[in-house]
Amino acid sequence: MLPPPSKKSKKKGELVDQLQLAPSDLSDHERAIFKLLSTDTPQQIDALVESTKLSIPQLTSALLTLEMRELIRALPGKCFVRKL
């Protein structure tokens, strides 16, 4: 039997976001965005557009929905992170 996955990565203090699964009721766009975001490294909206290949209106709509559901947080400079 294998031990449970470690909540800490090899770097000190860095949490592994893989343990935080996306809620099952997210749309495909919301799930794709949620999986790209981490709790400790902000992602700029431009990087999210490139990574998801979504249009700006699709991306901003999904980001707003995730923010209203309190799953992500908007930071200054059009950056986003997952909420803990």
PDB file of N, CA and C in Angstrom:
ATOM      1  N   MET A   1       0.842  -1.177   0.000  1.00  0.00           N
ATOM      2  CA  MET A   1       0.000   0.000   0.000  1.00  0.00           C
ATOM      3  C   MET A   1       0.892   1.247   0.000  1.00  0.00           C
ATOM      4  N   LEU A   2       0.549   2.212  -0.842  1.00  0.00           N
ATOM      5  CA  LEU A   2       1.324   3.445  -0.961  1.00  0.00           C
ATOM      6  C   LEU A   2       0.901   4.449   0.106  1.00  0.00           C
ATOM      7  N   PRO A   3       1.836   5.276   0.568  1.00  0.00           N
ATOM      8  CA  PRO A   3       1.471   6.322   1.526  1.00  0.00           C
ATOM      9  C   PRO A   3       0.630   7.392   0.834  1.00  0.00           C
ATOM     10  N   PRO A   4      -0.159   8.161   1.592  1.00  0.00           N
ATOM     11  CA  PRO A   4      -0.961   9.226   0.969  1.00  0.00           C
ATOM     12  C   PRO A   4      -0.051  10.284   0.367  1.00  0.00           C
ATOM     13  N   PRO A   5      -0.545  11.006  -0.654  1.00  0.00           N
ATOM     14  CA  PRO A   5       0.287  12.040  -1.273  1.00  0.00           C
ATOM     15  C   PRO A   5       0.655  13.120  -0.270  1.00  0.00           C
ATOM     16  N   SER A   6       1.851  13.616  -0.416  1.00  0.00           N
ATOM     17  CA  SER A   6       2.338  14.666   0.472  1.00  0.00           C
ATOM     18  C   SER A   6       1.666  15.985   0.120  1.00  0.00           C
ATOM     19  N   LYS A   7       1.321  16.758   1.131  1.00  0.00           N
ATOM     20  CA  LYS A   7       0.718  18.065   0.882  1.00  0.00           C
ATOM     21  C   LYS A   7       1.781  19.117   0.619  1.00  0.00           C
ATOM     22  N   LYS A   8       3.016  18.802   0.864  1.00  0.00           N
ATOM     23  CA  LYS A   8       4.113  19.736   0.614  1.00  0.00           C
ATOM     24  C   LYS A   8       4.936  19.222  -0.564  1.00  0.00           C
ATOM     25  N   SER A   9       5.380  20.127  -1.392  1.00  0.00           N
ATOM     26  CA  SER A   9       6.272  19.733  -2.474  1.00  0.00           C
ATOM     27  C   SER A   9       7.702  19.734  -1.937  1.00  0.00           C
ATOM     28  N   LYS A  10       8.645  19.509  -2.822  1.00  0.00           N
ATOM     29  CA  LYS A  10      10.045  19.470  -2.396  1.00  0.00           C
ATOM     30  C   LYS A  10      10.544  20.850  -1.982  1.00  0.00           C
ATOM     31  N   LYS A  11       9.931  21.901  -2.507  1.00  0.00           N
ATOM     32  CA  LYS A  11      10.308  23.258  -2.115  1.00  0.00           C
ATOM     33  C   LYS A  11       9.602  23.588  -0.807  1.00  0.00           C
ATOM     34  N   LYS A  12      10.304  24.260   0.091  1.00  0.00           N
ATOM     35  CA  LYS A  12       9.727  24.597   1.394  1.00  0.00           C
ATOM     36  C   LYS A  12       8.503  25.487   1.244  1.00  0.00           C
ATOM     37  N   GLY A  13       7.438  25.112   1.959  1.00  0.00           N
ATOM     38  CA  GLY A  13       6.253  25.951   2.048  1.00  0.00           C
ATOM     39  C   GLY A  13       5.363  25.999   0.827  1.00  0.00           C
ATOM     40  N   GLU A  14       5.727  25.368  -0.262  1.00  0.00           N
ATOM     41  CA  GLU A  14       4.913  25.435  -1.473  1.00  0.00           C
ATOM     42  C   GLU A  14       3.860  24.325  -1.440  1.00  0.00           C
ATOM     43  N   LEU A  15       2.589  24.709  -1.412  1.00  0.00           N
ATOM     44  CA  LEU A  15       1.512  23.726  -1.379  1.00  0.00           C
ATOM     45  C   LEU A  15       1.307  23.126  -2.760  1.00  0.00           C
ATOM     46  N   VAL A  16       0.957  21.872  -2.798  1.00  0.00           N
ATOM     47  CA  VAL A  16       0.674  21.203  -4.059  1.00  0.00           C
ATOM     48  C   VAL A  16      -0.803  21.381  -4.360  1.00  0.00           C
ATOM     49  N   ASP A  17      -1.109  22.064  -5.468  1.00  0.00           N
ATOM     50  CA  ASP A  17      -2.492  22.363  -5.810  1.00  0.00           C
ATOM     51  C   ASP A  17      -3.220  21.179  -6.427  1.00  0.00           C
ATOM     52  N   GLN A  18      -2.518  20.112  -6.746  1.00  0.00           N
ATOM     53  CA  GLN A  18      -3.156  18.964  -7.370  1.00  0.00           C
ATOM     54  C   GLN A  18      -4.184  18.322  -6.456  1.00  0.00           C
ATOM     55  N   LEU A  19      -4.042  18.495  -5.150  1.00  0.00           N
ATOM     56  CA  LEU A  19      -4.970  17.889  -4.211  1.00  0.00           C
ATOM     57  C   LEU A  19      -6.306  18.617  -4.180  1.00  0.00           C
ATOM     58  N   GLN A  20      -6.333  19.852  -4.641  1.00  0.00           N
ATOM     59  CA  GLN A  20      -7.572  20.617  -4.662  1.00  0.00           C
ATOM     60  C   GLN A  20      -8.234  20.398  -6.020  1.00  0.00           C
ATOM     61  N   LEU A  21      -9.259  19.569  -6.039  1.00  0.00           N
ATOM     62  CA  LEU A  21      -9.935  19.240  -7.283  1.00  0.00           C
ATOM     63  C   LEU A  21     -10.957  20.305  -7.647  1.00  0.00           C
ATOM     64  N   ALA A  22     -11.220  20.440  -8.936  1.00  0.00           N
ATOM     65  CA  ALA A  22     -12.230  21.378  -9.398  1.00  0.00           C
ATOM     66  C   ALA A  22     -13.609  20.845  -9.028  1.00  0.00           C
ATOM     67  N   PRO A  23     -14.511  21.714  -8.583  1.00  0.00           N
ATOM     68  CA  PRO A  23     -15.880  21.269  -8.300  1.00  0.00           C
ATOM     69  C   PRO A  23     -16.506  20.639  -9.541  1.00  0.00           C
ATOM     70  N   SER A  24     -17.352  19.660  -9.345  1.00  0.00           N
ATOM     71  CA  SER A  24     -17.901  18.888 -10.466  1.00  0.00           C
ATOM     72  C   SER A  24     -18.907  19.665 -11.304  1.00  0.00           C
ATOM     73  N   ASP A  25     -19.472  20.740 -10.774  1.00  0.00           N
ATOM     74  CA  ASP A  25     -20.505  21.465 -11.509  1.00  0.00           C
ATOM     75  C   ASP A  25     -19.976  22.647 -12.328  1.00  0.00           C
ATOM     76  N   LEU A  26     -18.686  22.702 -12.568  1.00  0.00           N
ATOM     77  CA  LEU A  26     -18.112  23.768 -13.392  1.00  0.00           C
ATOM     78  C   LEU A  26     -18.316  23.466 -14.871  1.00  0.00           C
ATOM     79  N   SER A  27     -18.444  24.533 -15.664  1.00  0.00           N
ATOM     80  CA  SER A  27     -18.493  24.356 -17.116  1.00  0.00           C
ATOM     81  C   SER A  27     -17.101  23.961 -17.607  1.00  0.00           C
ATOM     82  N   ASP A  28     -17.014  23.557 -18.855  1.00  0.00           N
ATOM     83  CA  ASP A  28     -15.711  23.173 -19.423  1.00  0.00           C
ATOM     84  C   ASP A  28     -14.728  24.347 -19.386  1.00  0.00           C
ATOM     85  N   HIS A  29     -15.211  25.541 -19.726  1.00  0.00           N
ATOM     86  CA  HIS A  29     -14.342  26.723 -19.712  1.00  0.00           C
ATOM     87  C   HIS A  29     -13.886  27.037 -18.295  1.00  0.00           C
ATOM     88  N   GLU A  30     -14.815  27.002 -17.342  1.00  0.00           N
ATOM     89  CA  GLU A  30     -14.473  27.292 -15.950  1.00  0.00           C
ATOM     90  C   GLU A  30     -13.476  26.276 -15.401  1.00  0.00           C
ATOM     91  N   ARG A  31     -13.672  25.011 -15.737  1.00  0.00           N
ATOM     92  CA  ARG A  31     -12.772  23.953 -15.262  1.00  0.00           C
ATOM     93  C   ARG A  31     -11.366  24.146 -15.834  1.00  0.00           C
ATOM     94  N   ALA A  32     -11.281  24.487 -17.117  1.00  0.00           N
ATOM     95  CA  ALA A  32      -9.972  24.703 -17.753  1.00  0.00           C
ATOM     96  C   ALA A  32      -9.228  25.853 -17.079  1.00  0.00           C
ATOM     97  N   ILE A  33      -9.940  26.925 -16.788  1.00  0.00           N
ATOM     98  CA  ILE A  33      -9.323  28.080 -16.123  1.00  0.00           C
ATOM     99  C   ILE A  33      -8.917  27.717 -14.705  1.00  0.00           C
ATOM    100  N   PHE A  34      -9.808  27.065 -13.977  1.00  0.00           N
ATOM    101  CA  PHE A  34      -9.550  26.698 -12.583  1.00  0.00           C
ATOM    102  C   PHE A  34      -8.301  25.830 -12.466  1.00  0.00           C
ATOM    103  N   LYS A  35      -8.126  24.908 -13.397  1.00  0.00           N
ATOM    104  CA  LYS A  35      -6.960  24.017 -13.350  1.00  0.00           C
ATOM    105  C   LYS A  35      -5.651  24.754 -13.644  1.00  0.00           C
ATOM    106  N   LEU A  36      -5.721  25.852 -14.379  1.00  0.00           N
ATOM    107  CA  LEU A  36      -4.511  26.623 -14.690  1.00  0.00           C
ATOM    108  C   LEU A  36      -4.069  27.516 -13.535  1.00  0.00           C
ATOM    109  N   LEU A  37      -5.000  27.847 -12.653  1.00  0.00           N
ATOM    110  CA  LEU A  37      -4.684  28.762 -11.556  1.00  0.00           C
ATOM    111  C   LEU A  37      -4.148  28.010 -10.352  1.00  0.00           C
ATOM    112  N   SER A  38      -3.265  28.676  -9.613  1.00  0.00           N
ATOM    113  CA  SER A  38      -2.753  28.114  -8.364  1.00  0.00           C
ATOM    114  C   SER A  38      -3.043  29.105  -7.245  1.00  0.00           C
ATOM    115  N   THR A  39      -2.792  28.682  -6.019  1.00  0.00           N
ATOM    116  CA  THR A  39      -3.054  29.555  -4.874  1.00  0.00           C
ATOM    117  C   THR A  39      -1.908  30.523  -4.606  1.00  0.00           C
ATOM    118  N   ASP A  40      -0.736  30.245  -5.152  1.00  0.00           N
ATOM    119  CA  ASP A  40       0.430  31.063  -4.811  1.00  0.00           C
ATOM    120  C   ASP A  40       1.050  31.832  -5.966  1.00  0.00           C
ATOM    121  N   THR A  41       0.706  31.522  -7.204  1.00  0.00           N
ATOM    122  CA  THR A  41       1.294  32.203  -8.355  1.00  0.00           C
ATOM    123  C   THR A  41       0.196  32.854  -9.191  1.00  0.00           C
ATOM    124  N   PRO A  42       0.078  34.183  -9.150  1.00  0.00           N
ATOM    125  CA  PRO A  42      -0.955  34.859  -9.945  1.00  0.00           C
ATOM    126  C   PRO A  42      -0.730  34.660 -11.441  1.00  0.00           C
ATOM    127  N   GLN A  43      -1.823  34.507 -12.175  1.00  0.00           N
ATOM    128  CA  GLN A  43      -1.782  34.380 -13.634  1.00  0.00           C
ATOM    129  C   GLN A  43      -2.427  35.622 -14.237  1.00  0.00           C
ATOM    130  N   GLN A  44      -1.741  36.242 -15.172  1.00  0.00           N
ATOM    131  CA  GLN A  44      -2.309  37.400 -15.854  1.00  0.00           C
ATOM    132  C   GLN A  44      -3.337  36.939 -16.868  1.00  0.00           C
ATOM    133  N   ILE A  45      -4.291  37.803 -17.137  1.00  0.00           N
ATOM    134  CA  ILE A  45      -5.376  37.463 -18.048  1.00  0.00           C
ATOM    135  C   ILE A  45      -4.838  37.141 -19.448  1.00  0.00           C
ATOM    136  N   ASP A  46      -3.770  37.816 -19.877  1.00  0.00           N
ATOM    137  CA  ASP A  46      -3.187  37.538 -21.197  1.00  0.00           C
ATOM    138  C   ASP A  46      -2.656  36.109 -21.277  1.00  0.00           C
ATOM    139  N   ALA A  47      -2.023  35.646 -20.211  1.00  0.00           N
ATOM    140  CA  ALA A  47      -1.510  34.275 -20.179  1.00  0.00           C
ATOM    141  C   ALA A  47      -2.660  33.275 -20.196  1.00  0.00           C
ATOM    142  N   LEU A  48      -3.761  33.607 -19.524  1.00  0.00           N
ATOM    143  CA  LEU A  48      -4.926  32.717 -19.519  1.00  0.00           C
ATOM    144  C   LEU A  48      -5.563  32.631 -20.904  1.00  0.00           C
ATOM    145  N   VAL A  49      -5.596  33.748 -21.632  1.00  0.00           N
ATOM    146  CA  VAL A  49      -6.128  33.741 -23.001  1.00  0.00           C
ATOM    147  C   VAL A  49      -5.297  32.805 -23.869  1.00  0.00           C
ATOM    148  N   GLU A  50      -3.980  32.914 -23.769  1.00  0.00           N
ATOM    149  CA  GLU A  50      -3.096  32.060 -24.571  1.00  0.00           C
ATOM    150  C   GLU A  50      -3.224  30.590 -24.187  1.00  0.00           C
ATOM    151  N   SER A  51      -3.292  30.308 -22.902  1.00  0.00           N
ATOM    152  CA  SER A  51      -3.330  28.923 -22.428  1.00  0.00           C
ATOM    153  C   SER A  51      -4.654  28.232 -22.728  1.00  0.00           C
ATOM    154  N   THR A  52      -5.764  28.970 -22.589  1.00  0.00           N
ATOM    155  CA  THR A  52      -7.080  28.350 -22.765  1.00  0.00           C
ATOM    156  C   THR A  52      -7.585  28.416 -24.195  1.00  0.00           C
ATOM    157  N   LYS A  53      -7.052  29.335 -24.992  1.00  0.00           N
ATOM    158  CA  LYS A  53      -7.512  29.570 -26.368  1.00  0.00           C
ATOM    159  C   LYS A  53      -8.968  30.043 -26.415  1.00  0.00           C
ATOM    160  N   LEU A  54      -9.449  30.621 -25.301  1.00  0.00           N
ATOM    161  CA  LEU A  54     -10.803  31.166 -25.258  1.00  0.00           C
ATOM    162  C   LEU A  54     -10.781  32.606 -25.756  1.00  0.00           C
ATOM    163  N   SER A  55     -11.933  33.070 -26.239  1.00  0.00           N
ATOM    164  CA  SER A  55     -12.040  34.484 -26.603  1.00  0.00           C
ATOM    165  C   SER A  55     -12.080  35.308 -25.317  1.00  0.00           C
ATOM    166  N   ILE A  56     -11.809  36.591 -25.441  1.00  0.00           N
ATOM    167  CA  ILE A  56     -11.827  37.480 -24.271  1.00  0.00           C
ATOM    168  C   ILE A  56     -13.199  37.455 -23.580  1.00  0.00           C
ATOM    169  N   PRO A  57     -14.319  37.577 -24.325  1.00  0.00           N
ATOM    170  CA  PRO A  57     -15.624  37.527 -23.643  1.00  0.00           C
ATOM    171  C   PRO A  57     -15.881  36.193 -22.923  1.00  0.00           C
ATOM    172  N   GLN A  58     -15.494  35.076 -23.532  1.00  0.00           N
ATOM    173  CA  GLN A  58     -15.674  33.770 -22.881  1.00  0.00           C
ATOM    174  C   GLN A  58     -14.839  33.687 -21.610  1.00  0.00           C
ATOM    175  N   LEU A  59     -13.598  34.140 -21.696  1.00  0.00           N
ATOM    176  CA  LEU A  59     -12.699  34.072 -20.550  1.00  0.00           C
ATOM    177  C   LEU A  59     -13.183  34.967 -19.415  1.00  0.00           C
ATOM    178  N   THR A  60     -13.526  36.209 -19.722  1.00  0.00           N
ATOM    179  CA  THR A  60     -13.953  37.119 -18.657  1.00  0.00           C
ATOM    180  C   THR A  60     -15.261  36.665 -18.022  1.00  0.00           C
ATOM    181  N   SER A  61     -16.147  36.087 -18.804  1.00  0.00           N
ATOM    182  CA  SER A  61     -17.396  35.557 -18.256  1.00  0.00           C
ATOM    183  C   SER A  61     -17.124  34.412 -17.285  1.00  0.00           C
ATOM    184  N   ALA A  62     -16.259  33.491 -17.681  1.00  0.00           N
ATOM    185  CA  ALA A  62     -15.919  32.355 -16.820  1.00  0.00           C
ATOM    186  C   ALA A  62     -15.170  32.821 -15.567  1.00  0.00           C
ATOM    187  N   LEU A  63     -14.272  33.784 -15.716  1.00  0.00           N
ATOM    188  CA  LEU A  63     -13.547  34.316 -14.558  1.00  0.00           C
ATOM    189  C   LEU A  63     -14.507  34.977 -13.571  1.00  0.00           C
ATOM    190  N   LEU A  64     -15.465  35.739 -14.089  1.00  0.00           N
ATOM    191  CA  LEU A  64     -16.441  36.393 -13.218  1.00  0.00           C
ATOM    192  C   LEU A  64     -17.282  35.357 -12.472  1.00  0.00           C
ATOM    193  N   THR A  65     -17.701  34.309 -13.169  1.00  0.00           N
ATOM    194  CA  THR A  65     -18.475  33.245 -12.523  1.00  0.00           C
ATOM    195  C   THR A  65     -17.666  32.581 -11.419  1.00  0.00           C
ATOM    196  N   LEU A  66     -16.412  32.252 -11.700  1.00  0.00           N
ATOM    197  CA  LEU A  66     -15.549  31.628 -10.688  1.00  0.00           C
ATOM    198  C   LEU A  66     -15.328  32.561  -9.501  1.00  0.00           C
ATOM    199  N   GLU A  67     -15.197  33.859  -9.795  1.00  0.00           N
ATOM    200  CA  GLU A  67     -14.996  34.825  -8.716  1.00  0.00           C
ATOM    201  C   GLU A  67     -16.260  34.968  -7.864  1.00  0.00           C
ATOM    202  N   MET A  68     -17.429  34.984  -8.491  1.00  0.00           N
ATOM    203  CA  MET A  68     -18.685  35.094  -7.749  1.00  0.00           C
ATOM    204  C   MET A  68     -18.945  33.854  -6.898  1.00  0.00           C
ATOM    205  N   ARG A  69     -18.455  32.710  -7.347  1.00  0.00           N
ATOM    206  CA  ARG A  69     -18.595  31.470  -6.574  1.00  0.00           C
ATOM    207  C   ARG A  69     -17.510  31.350  -5.504  1.00  0.00           C
ATOM    208  N   GLU A  70     -16.661  32.376  -5.423  1.00  0.00           N
ATOM    209  CA  GLU A  70     -15.579  32.449  -4.444  1.00  0.00           C
ATOM    210  C   GLU A  70     -14.579  31.300  -4.571  1.00  0.00           C
ATOM    211  N   LEU A  71     -14.316  30.894  -5.822  1.00  0.00           N
ATOM    212  CA  LEU A  71     -13.311  29.868  -6.095  1.00  0.00           C
ATOM    213  C   LEU A  71     -11.976  30.492  -6.481  1.00  0.00           C
ATOM    214  N   ILE A  72     -12.037  31.708  -7.031  1.00  0.00           N
ATOM    215  CA  ILE A  72     -10.820  32.422  -7.408  1.00  0.00           C
ATOM    216  C   ILE A  72     -10.907  33.848  -6.878  1.00  0.00           C
ATOM    217  N   ARG A  73      -9.779  34.544  -6.964  1.00  0.00           N
ATOM    218  CA  ARG A  73      -9.707  35.923  -6.489  1.00  0.00           C
ATOM    219  C   ARG A  73      -8.988  36.754  -7.539  1.00  0.00           C
ATOM    220  N   ALA A  74      -9.531  37.926  -7.832  1.00  0.00           N
ATOM    221  CA  ALA A  74      -8.888  38.857  -8.759  1.00  0.00           C
ATOM    222  C   ALA A  74      -7.915  39.729  -7.980  1.00  0.00           C
ATOM    223  N   LEU A  75      -6.750  39.929  -8.552  1.00  0.00           N
ATOM    224  CA  LEU A  75      -5.717  40.775  -7.956  1.00  0.00           C
ATOM    225  C   LEU A  75      -5.489  41.982  -8.860  1.00  0.00           C
ATOM    226  N   PRO A  76      -4.847  43.024  -8.350  1.00  0.00           N
ATOM    227  CA  PRO A  76      -4.534  44.177  -9.202  1.00  0.00           C
ATOM    228  C   PRO A  76      -3.702  43.756 -10.418  1.00  0.00           C
ATOM    229  N   GLY A  77      -3.931  44.433 -11.532  1.00  0.00           N
ATOM    230  CA  GLY A  77      -3.177  44.139 -12.744  1.00  0.00           C
ATOM    231  C   GLY A  77      -3.773  43.018 -13.567  1.00  0.00           C
ATOM    232  N   LYS A  78      -5.075  42.753 -13.380  1.00  0.00           N
ATOM    233  CA  LYS A  78      -5.778  41.693 -14.122  1.00  0.00           C
ATOM    234  C   LYS A  78      -5.121  40.333 -13.919  1.00  0.00           C
ATOM    235  N   CYS A  79      -4.749  40.051 -12.668  1.00  0.00           N
ATOM    236  CA  CYS A  79      -4.176  38.761 -12.285  1.00  0.00           C
ATOM    237  C   CYS A  79      -5.188  37.994 -11.446  1.00  0.00           C
ATOM    238  N   PHE A  80      -5.094  36.667 -11.497  1.00  0.00           N
ATOM    239  CA  PHE A  80      -6.043  35.818 -10.791  1.00  0.00           C
ATOM    240  C   PHE A  80      -5.320  34.674 -10.099  1.00  0.00           C
ATOM    241  N   VAL A  81      -5.845  34.277  -8.925  1.00  0.00           N
ATOM    242  CA  VAL A  81      -5.343  33.123  -8.173  1.00  0.00           C
ATOM    243  C   VAL A  81      -6.535  32.349  -7.627  1.00  0.00           C
ATOM    244  N   ARG A  82      -6.290  31.074  -7.299  1.00  0.00           N
ATOM    245  CA  ARG A  82      -7.307  30.280  -6.607  1.00  0.00           C
ATOM    246  C   ARG A  82      -7.412  30.757  -5.172  1.00  0.00           C
ATOM    247  N   LYS A  83      -8.606  30.654  -4.633  1.00  0.00           N
ATOM    248  CA  LYS A  83      -8.781  30.909  -3.199  1.00  0.00           C
ATOM    249  C   LYS A  83      -8.468  29.630  -2.456  1.00  0.00           C
ATOM    250  N   LEU A  84      -7.990  29.763  -1.234  1.00  0.00           N
ATOM    251  CA  LEU A  84      -7.708  28.591  -0.405  1.00  0.00           C
ATOM    252  C   LEU A  84      -8.973  27.965   0.089  1.00  0.00           C
TER     253      LEU A  84
END
